[in-house]
Amino acid sequence: MSKLCEGRVAVITGAGRGIGREYALLLAHHGAKVVVNDLGAARDGEGADVGPAQEVVDEVVAAGGEAIVNGDDVSDFEGAERMIRSAIDTFGGLDILINNAGILRDRMLTNMTEAEWDAVIKVHLKGTFAPARHAAAYWRERSKAGETNDARIINTSSPSGLYGNVGQTNYGAAKAGIASFTIIAAKELSRYGVTVNGIAPAALTRLTEDLGMGSADEATKEAMSPAHIAPIVAWLSSPESAHVTGRLFDVSGRMISVSEGWHRGPTLENPTDDVAELGPQVSELVAKARPNANMFGFDES
């Protein structure tokens, strides 16, 4: 099998467990040198332990690959800079950034605390911005110096962010923000030889095991293995994907869809200024509009 990422250098956040671990192992299998970033926190963001990241590094090295551990907090601006710098200093450059780290603190809106909101927004949204900002600056400076980039940023959104899920206003808001971040960053960074794409994965990991997936039968567990998410990310990391940017991919088990995003729908060109008369006009617009998607990305029935 050809190695699609031979000689490329990747930083993968949240790579000690779950989907991130699968990314690290598959990219290394395809020849990438990998910085395995993981704070080692619990699923709610508490605590720290570099042990899981070290286990991934040990597995990569045992298979003949190259990898190092980074335990920085992705949401710490200086820590994110150290993370990016560790790839450049150790492996001589950076070609791929996969923003995958995340936590959950689910709660209904009426009961959600400020701390639960802030923690999730910080890890997901700032934790995507900070590494991407430092990686983008590195690639911009290379471009200004006359160097050529063939670089990738791959961000992690969620069906909750694209379609909505009850009990996840914090998580969904962060993931929706990441989707918009991806589209805008793709426009900004194309001039520097950088593509920016995102995925919205659904898989059985420690983040989802208590959301009904942990009690699934063995066939479902296999179908929803995080290993099935990794191939599209490995391909997006490779030189072969240079023509794809600004796209979000809904990846659920063995299914891959392109999420098409918001589009302008039925339109009223000259609405009345009379509030009483406006109501029926807006109601007619809504009746003509495509319904919002359900959690699975399909029209609500």
Protein backbone atom coordinates (compact mmCIF):
# COMPACT_ATOMS: atom_id res chain seq x y z
CA MET A 1 0.00 0.00 0.00
CA SER A 2 1.30 3.45 -0.90
CA LYS A 3 2.06 5.80 1.99
CA LEU A 4 0.03 8.93 1.35
CA CYS A 5 1.71 11.03 4.05
CA GLU A 6 5.30 9.91 3.66
CA GLY A 7 7.68 12.43 5.25
CA ARG A 8 4.91 14.80 6.33
CA VAL A 9 4.82 16.22 9.85
CA ALA A 10 1.55 16.25 11.78
CA VAL A 11 0.33 17.69 15.07
CA ILE A 12 -2.77 15.91 16.35
CA THR A 13 -4.53 17.25 19.43
CA GLY A 14 -6.43 14.96 21.78
CA ALA A 15 -4.55 12.01 20.27
CA GLY A 16 -4.12 9.90 23.38
CA ARG A 17 -7.45 8.12 23.11
CA GLY A 18 -10.44 7.52 20.86
CA ILE A 19 -10.62 9.10 17.43
CA GLY A 20 -7.38 11.08 17.88
CA ARG A 21 -5.47 7.92 18.68
CA GLU A 22 -6.72 6.35 15.45
CA TYR A 23 -5.61 9.43 13.52
CA ALA A 24 -2.12 9.24 14.98
CA LEU A 25 -1.71 5.53 14.26
CA LEU A 26 -3.03 5.74 10.70
CA LEU A 27 -1.04 8.84 9.75
CA ALA A 28 2.10 7.25 11.16
CA HIS A 29 1.31 4.09 9.20
CA HIS A 30 1.18 6.28 6.09
CA GLY A 31 4.61 7.72 6.83
CA ALA A 32 3.85 10.88 8.82
CA LYS A 33 5.93 12.00 11.77
CA VAL A 34 3.48 12.75 14.54
CA VAL A 35 3.27 15.03 17.56
CA VAL A 36 0.78 13.26 19.83
CA ASN A 37 -0.80 16.01 21.89
CA ASP A 38 -3.00 15.11 24.83
CA LEU A 39 -3.45 16.78 28.18
CA GLY A 40 -4.78 13.47 29.46
CA ALA A 41 -7.81 14.99 31.14
CA ALA A 42 -11.04 13.22 31.97
CA ARG A 43 -13.99 13.57 29.57
CA ASP A 44 -15.12 16.68 31.51
CA GLY A 45 -11.68 18.31 31.16
CA GLU A 46 -10.50 17.70 34.71
CA GLY A 47 -7.05 16.31 35.54
CA ALA A 48 -3.98 15.63 33.43
CA ASP A 49 -2.00 12.52 32.49
CA VAL A 50 0.42 12.16 29.58
CA GLY A 51 0.30 8.37 29.94
CA PRO A 52 -2.24 7.77 27.14
CA ALA A 53 -0.28 9.98 24.71
CA GLN A 54 2.93 8.15 25.61
CA GLU A 55 1.24 4.81 24.91
CA VAL A 56 0.33 6.01 21.41
CA VAL A 57 3.88 7.22 20.81
CA ASP A 58 5.26 3.87 22.01
CA GLU A 59 2.92 2.05 19.62
CA VAL A 60 3.99 4.25 16.68
CA VAL A 61 7.69 3.80 17.46
CA ALA A 62 7.28 0.04 17.92
CA ALA A 63 5.81 -0.11 14.43
CA GLY A 64 8.83 1.74 13.01
CA GLY A 65 7.38 5.24 12.93
CA GLU A 66 8.39 8.54 14.50
CA ALA A 67 6.37 10.33 17.16
CA ILE A 68 6.74 12.48 20.26
CA VAL A 69 4.47 13.40 23.15
CA ASN A 70 3.17 16.89 23.83
CA GLY A 71 1.09 17.51 26.94
CA ASP A 72 0.19 21.17 26.44
CA ASP A 73 -3.34 22.49 26.93
CA VAL A 74 -4.73 23.31 23.47
CA SER A 75 -6.73 26.22 24.88
CA ASP A 76 -3.64 27.90 26.35
CA PHE A 77 -2.28 30.31 23.74
CA GLU A 78 1.36 29.92 24.75
CA GLY A 79 0.93 26.17 25.19
CA ALA A 80 -0.45 25.90 21.66
CA GLU A 81 2.59 27.76 20.37
CA ARG A 82 4.89 25.31 22.18
CA MET A 83 2.98 22.44 20.63
CA ILE A 84 3.45 23.76 17.10
CA ARG A 85 7.07 24.64 17.82
CA SER A 86 7.75 21.10 19.10
CA ALA A 87 6.92 19.72 15.64
CA ILE A 88 9.12 22.24 13.88
CA ASP A 89 12.05 21.83 16.28
CA THR A 90 11.88 18.02 16.38
CA PHE A 91 10.97 17.11 12.83
CA GLY A 92 12.06 20.19 10.89
CA GLY A 93 8.69 21.54 9.86
CA LEU A 94 4.93 21.21 9.97
CA ASP A 95 2.53 20.06 7.25
CA ILE A 96 -0.63 18.97 9.07
CA LEU A 97 -2.61 20.20 12.06
CA ILE A 98 -5.56 18.10 13.20
CA ASN A 99 -7.62 19.84 15.90
CA ASN A 100 -9.40 17.03 17.71
CA ALA A 101 -9.21 17.67 21.46
CA GLY A 102 -12.51 18.08 23.24
CA ILE A 103 -14.55 17.63 26.41
CA LEU A 104 -18.21 17.29 27.33
CA ARG A 105 -20.22 18.98 30.06
CA ASP A 106 -23.75 18.34 28.91
CA ARG A 107 -26.63 20.08 30.66
CA MET A 108 -30.03 21.46 29.76
CA LEU A 109 -29.90 25.22 29.18
CA THR A 110 -32.06 25.98 32.24
CA ASN A 111 -29.52 24.27 34.50
CA MET A 112 -26.21 24.91 32.78
CA THR A 113 -23.63 26.73 34.89
CA GLU A 114 -21.33 29.46 33.68
CA ALA A 115 -18.36 27.17 34.36
CA GLU A 116 -19.86 24.40 32.20
CA TRP A 117 -20.38 26.84 29.35
CA ASP A 118 -16.95 28.45 29.62
CA ALA A 119 -15.00 25.18 29.86
CA VAL A 120 -16.54 23.65 26.75
CA ILE A 121 -16.23 26.81 24.67
CA LYS A 122 -12.62 27.23 25.78
CA VAL A 123 -11.44 23.71 24.97
CA HIS A 124 -13.27 23.32 21.67
CA LEU A 125 -13.36 26.80 20.16
CA LYS A 126 -10.25 28.44 21.59
CA GLY A 127 -8.56 25.05 21.45
CA THR A 128 -9.09 25.11 17.70
CA PHE A 129 -8.14 28.75 17.23
CA ALA A 130 -4.88 28.73 19.22
CA PRO A 131 -3.04 25.87 17.45
CA ALA A 132 -4.41 26.97 14.07
CA ARG A 133 -3.27 30.53 14.62
CA HIS A 134 0.33 29.51 15.39
CA ALA A 135 0.44 26.98 12.55
CA ALA A 136 -0.97 29.54 10.12
CA ALA A 137 1.63 32.10 11.18
CA TYR A 138 4.40 29.56 10.52
CA TRP A 139 3.08 28.81 7.03
CA ARG A 140 2.60 32.51 6.26
CA GLU A 141 6.21 33.26 7.16
CA ARG A 142 7.39 30.39 4.96
CA SER A 143 5.32 31.75 2.09
CA LYS A 144 6.70 35.25 2.56
CA ALA A 145 10.22 33.79 2.48
CA GLY A 146 9.52 32.19 -0.89
CA GLU A 147 8.95 28.67 0.43
CA THR A 148 6.09 26.51 -0.87
CA ASN A 149 3.53 24.98 1.47
CA ASP A 150 1.26 22.01 0.88
CA ALA A 151 -0.29 22.23 4.32
CA ARG A 152 -3.49 21.07 5.97
CA ILE A 153 -5.68 22.07 8.88
CA ILE A 154 -8.44 19.61 9.75
CA ASN A 155 -10.89 20.72 12.42
CA THR A 156 -13.46 18.75 14.38
CA SER A 157 -17.07 19.89 14.38
CA SER A 158 -19.98 17.63 15.33
CA PRO A 159 -23.50 16.69 14.24
CA SER A 160 -24.52 18.60 17.37
CA GLY A 161 -22.95 21.74 15.92
CA LEU A 162 -24.29 21.23 12.41
CA TYR A 163 -27.78 19.96 13.18
CA GLY A 164 -28.35 20.48 16.92
CA ASN A 165 -28.78 18.13 19.87
CA VAL A 166 -30.77 18.60 23.06
CA GLY A 167 -28.66 19.12 26.17
CA GLN A 168 -25.64 20.43 24.30
CA THR A 169 -26.05 24.18 23.84
CA ASN A 170 -22.45 24.69 24.97
CA TYR A 171 -20.94 21.88 22.92
CA GLY A 172 -23.14 22.54 19.88
CA ALA A 173 -22.38 26.26 19.91
CA ALA A 174 -18.65 25.55 20.03
CA LYS A 175 -18.88 23.00 17.23
CA ALA A 176 -20.99 25.32 15.07
CA GLY A 177 -18.35 27.98 15.63
CA ILE A 178 -15.66 25.56 14.49
CA ALA A 179 -17.61 24.88 11.29
CA SER A 180 -17.72 28.61 10.48
CA PHE A 181 -14.09 29.01 11.54
CA THR A 182 -13.18 26.29 9.04
CA ILE A 183 -14.94 27.97 6.12
CA ILE A 184 -13.43 31.39 6.84
CA ALA A 185 -9.92 30.10 7.56
CA ALA A 186 -9.99 28.22 4.25
CA LYS A 187 -10.62 31.49 2.43
CA GLU A 188 -7.86 33.30 4.33
CA LEU A 189 -5.13 30.67 4.12
CA SER A 190 -5.44 29.47 0.53
CA ARG A 191 -2.92 32.12 -0.54
CA TYR A 192 -0.31 30.41 1.64
CA GLY A 193 -0.81 26.91 0.25
CA VAL A 194 -2.98 25.75 3.16
CA THR A 195 -6.29 23.91 2.91
CA VAL A 196 -8.73 23.92 5.83
CA ASN A 197 -11.44 21.31 6.16
CA GLY A 198 -13.53 19.89 8.97
CA ILE A 199 -15.24 16.70 9.95
CA ALA A 200 -18.29 16.05 12.09
CA PRO A 201 -17.62 12.54 13.40
CA ALA A 202 -19.93 10.10 15.14
CA ALA A 203 -18.17 7.16 16.78
CA LEU A 204 -18.19 5.09 19.95
CA THR A 205 -15.61 6.65 22.27
CA ARG A 206 -15.46 7.54 25.95
CA LEU A 207 -17.22 10.82 25.10
CA THR A 208 -20.23 8.98 23.67
CA GLU A 209 -20.37 5.75 25.66
CA ASP A 210 -23.00 7.11 28.06
CA LEU A 211 -25.13 8.64 25.30
CA GLY A 212 -26.73 5.31 24.44
CA MET A 213 -23.84 3.99 22.34
CA GLY A 214 -22.13 2.15 25.18
CA SER A 215 -24.98 -0.40 25.37
CA ALA A 216 -25.02 -1.08 21.62
CA ASP A 217 -24.62 -4.63 20.28
CA GLU A 218 -21.25 -5.83 19.01
CA ALA A 219 -22.10 -5.28 15.33
CA THR A 220 -23.08 -1.68 16.02
CA LYS A 221 -19.98 -1.12 18.13
CA GLU A 222 -17.80 -2.35 15.28
CA ALA A 223 -19.65 -0.21 12.75
CA MET A 224 -19.21 2.84 14.99
CA SER A 225 -15.55 2.20 15.81
CA PRO A 226 -13.40 5.36 15.76
CA ALA A 227 -11.08 3.49 13.39
CA HIS A 228 -13.59 4.15 10.59
CA ILE A 229 -13.24 7.92 11.02
CA ALA A 230 -9.49 7.95 10.43
CA PRO A 231 -9.25 7.15 6.67
CA ILE A 232 -10.96 10.35 5.47
CA VAL A 233 -8.74 12.38 7.81
CA ALA A 234 -5.61 10.62 6.56
CA TRP A 235 -6.63 11.37 2.98
CA LEU A 236 -7.40 15.01 3.79
CA SER A 237 -3.92 15.20 5.35
CA SER A 238 -2.25 13.99 2.18
CA PRO A 239 -1.05 15.87 -0.92
CA GLU A 240 -3.86 14.17 -2.87
CA SER A 241 -6.48 16.39 -1.19
CA ALA A 242 -4.99 19.73 -2.29
CA HIS A 243 -8.10 20.56 -4.36
CA VAL A 244 -10.50 20.26 -1.40
CA THR A 245 -10.85 23.13 1.06
CA GLY A 246 -13.53 24.84 3.10
CA ARG A 247 -15.64 21.70 3.32
CA LEU A 248 -17.28 19.91 6.26
CA PHE A 249 -17.63 16.13 6.14
CA ASP A 250 -20.23 14.31 8.22
CA VAL A 251 -18.55 10.99 9.06
CA SER A 252 -20.72 8.50 10.92
CA GLY A 253 -19.34 4.99 11.18
CA ARG A 254 -18.76 3.89 7.60
CA MET A 255 -20.82 6.71 6.05
CA ILE A 256 -19.27 9.89 4.66
CA SER A 257 -21.39 12.86 3.59
CA VAL A 258 -20.54 16.40 2.54
CA SER A 259 -22.43 18.78 4.82
CA GLU A 260 -23.75 21.55 2.62
CA GLY A 261 -24.33 24.21 5.28
CA TRP A 262 -26.63 27.20 5.39
CA HIS A 263 -28.13 28.48 2.14
CA ARG A 264 -30.47 31.41 1.55
CA GLY A 265 -33.97 29.97 1.28
CA PRO A 266 -37.36 31.42 0.31
CA THR A 267 -37.07 35.20 0.15
CA LEU A 268 -39.43 38.15 0.43
CA GLU A 269 -37.98 40.91 -1.74
CA ASN A 270 -40.12 43.82 -0.57
CA PRO A 271 -41.57 43.08 2.88
CA THR A 272 -44.15 45.41 4.32
CA ASP A 273 -43.21 47.76 7.15
CA ASP A 274 -46.55 47.09 8.78
CA VAL A 275 -45.87 44.61 11.59
CA ALA A 276 -49.39 43.20 11.57
CA GLU A 277 -49.20 42.49 7.83
CA LEU A 278 -45.63 41.18 8.03
CA GLY A 279 -46.60 38.18 10.19
CA PRO A 280 -48.56 36.33 7.49
CA GLN A 281 -45.81 37.02 4.94
CA VAL A 282 -43.14 35.54 7.23
CA SER A 283 -45.37 32.56 8.01
CA GLU A 284 -45.69 31.90 4.29
CA LEU A 285 -41.90 32.04 3.90
CA VAL A 286 -41.42 29.54 6.71
CA ALA A 287 -44.00 27.21 5.17
CA LYS A 288 -42.04 27.21 1.91
CA ALA A 289 -38.66 26.65 3.59
CA ARG A 290 -36.94 23.30 3.92
CA PRO A 291 -37.28 22.06 7.52
CA ASN A 292 -34.25 21.98 9.80
CA ALA A 293 -32.32 18.72 9.76
CA ASN A 294 -32.59 16.24 12.59
CA MET A 295 -29.57 15.02 14.56
CA PHE A 296 -28.72 12.65 11.72
CA GLY A 297 -28.62 15.41 9.11
CA PHE A 298 -31.91 14.56 7.43
CA ASP A 299 -35.12 16.61 7.18
CA GLU A 300 -37.31 16.47 10.25
CA SER A 301 -40.40 14.41 9.49
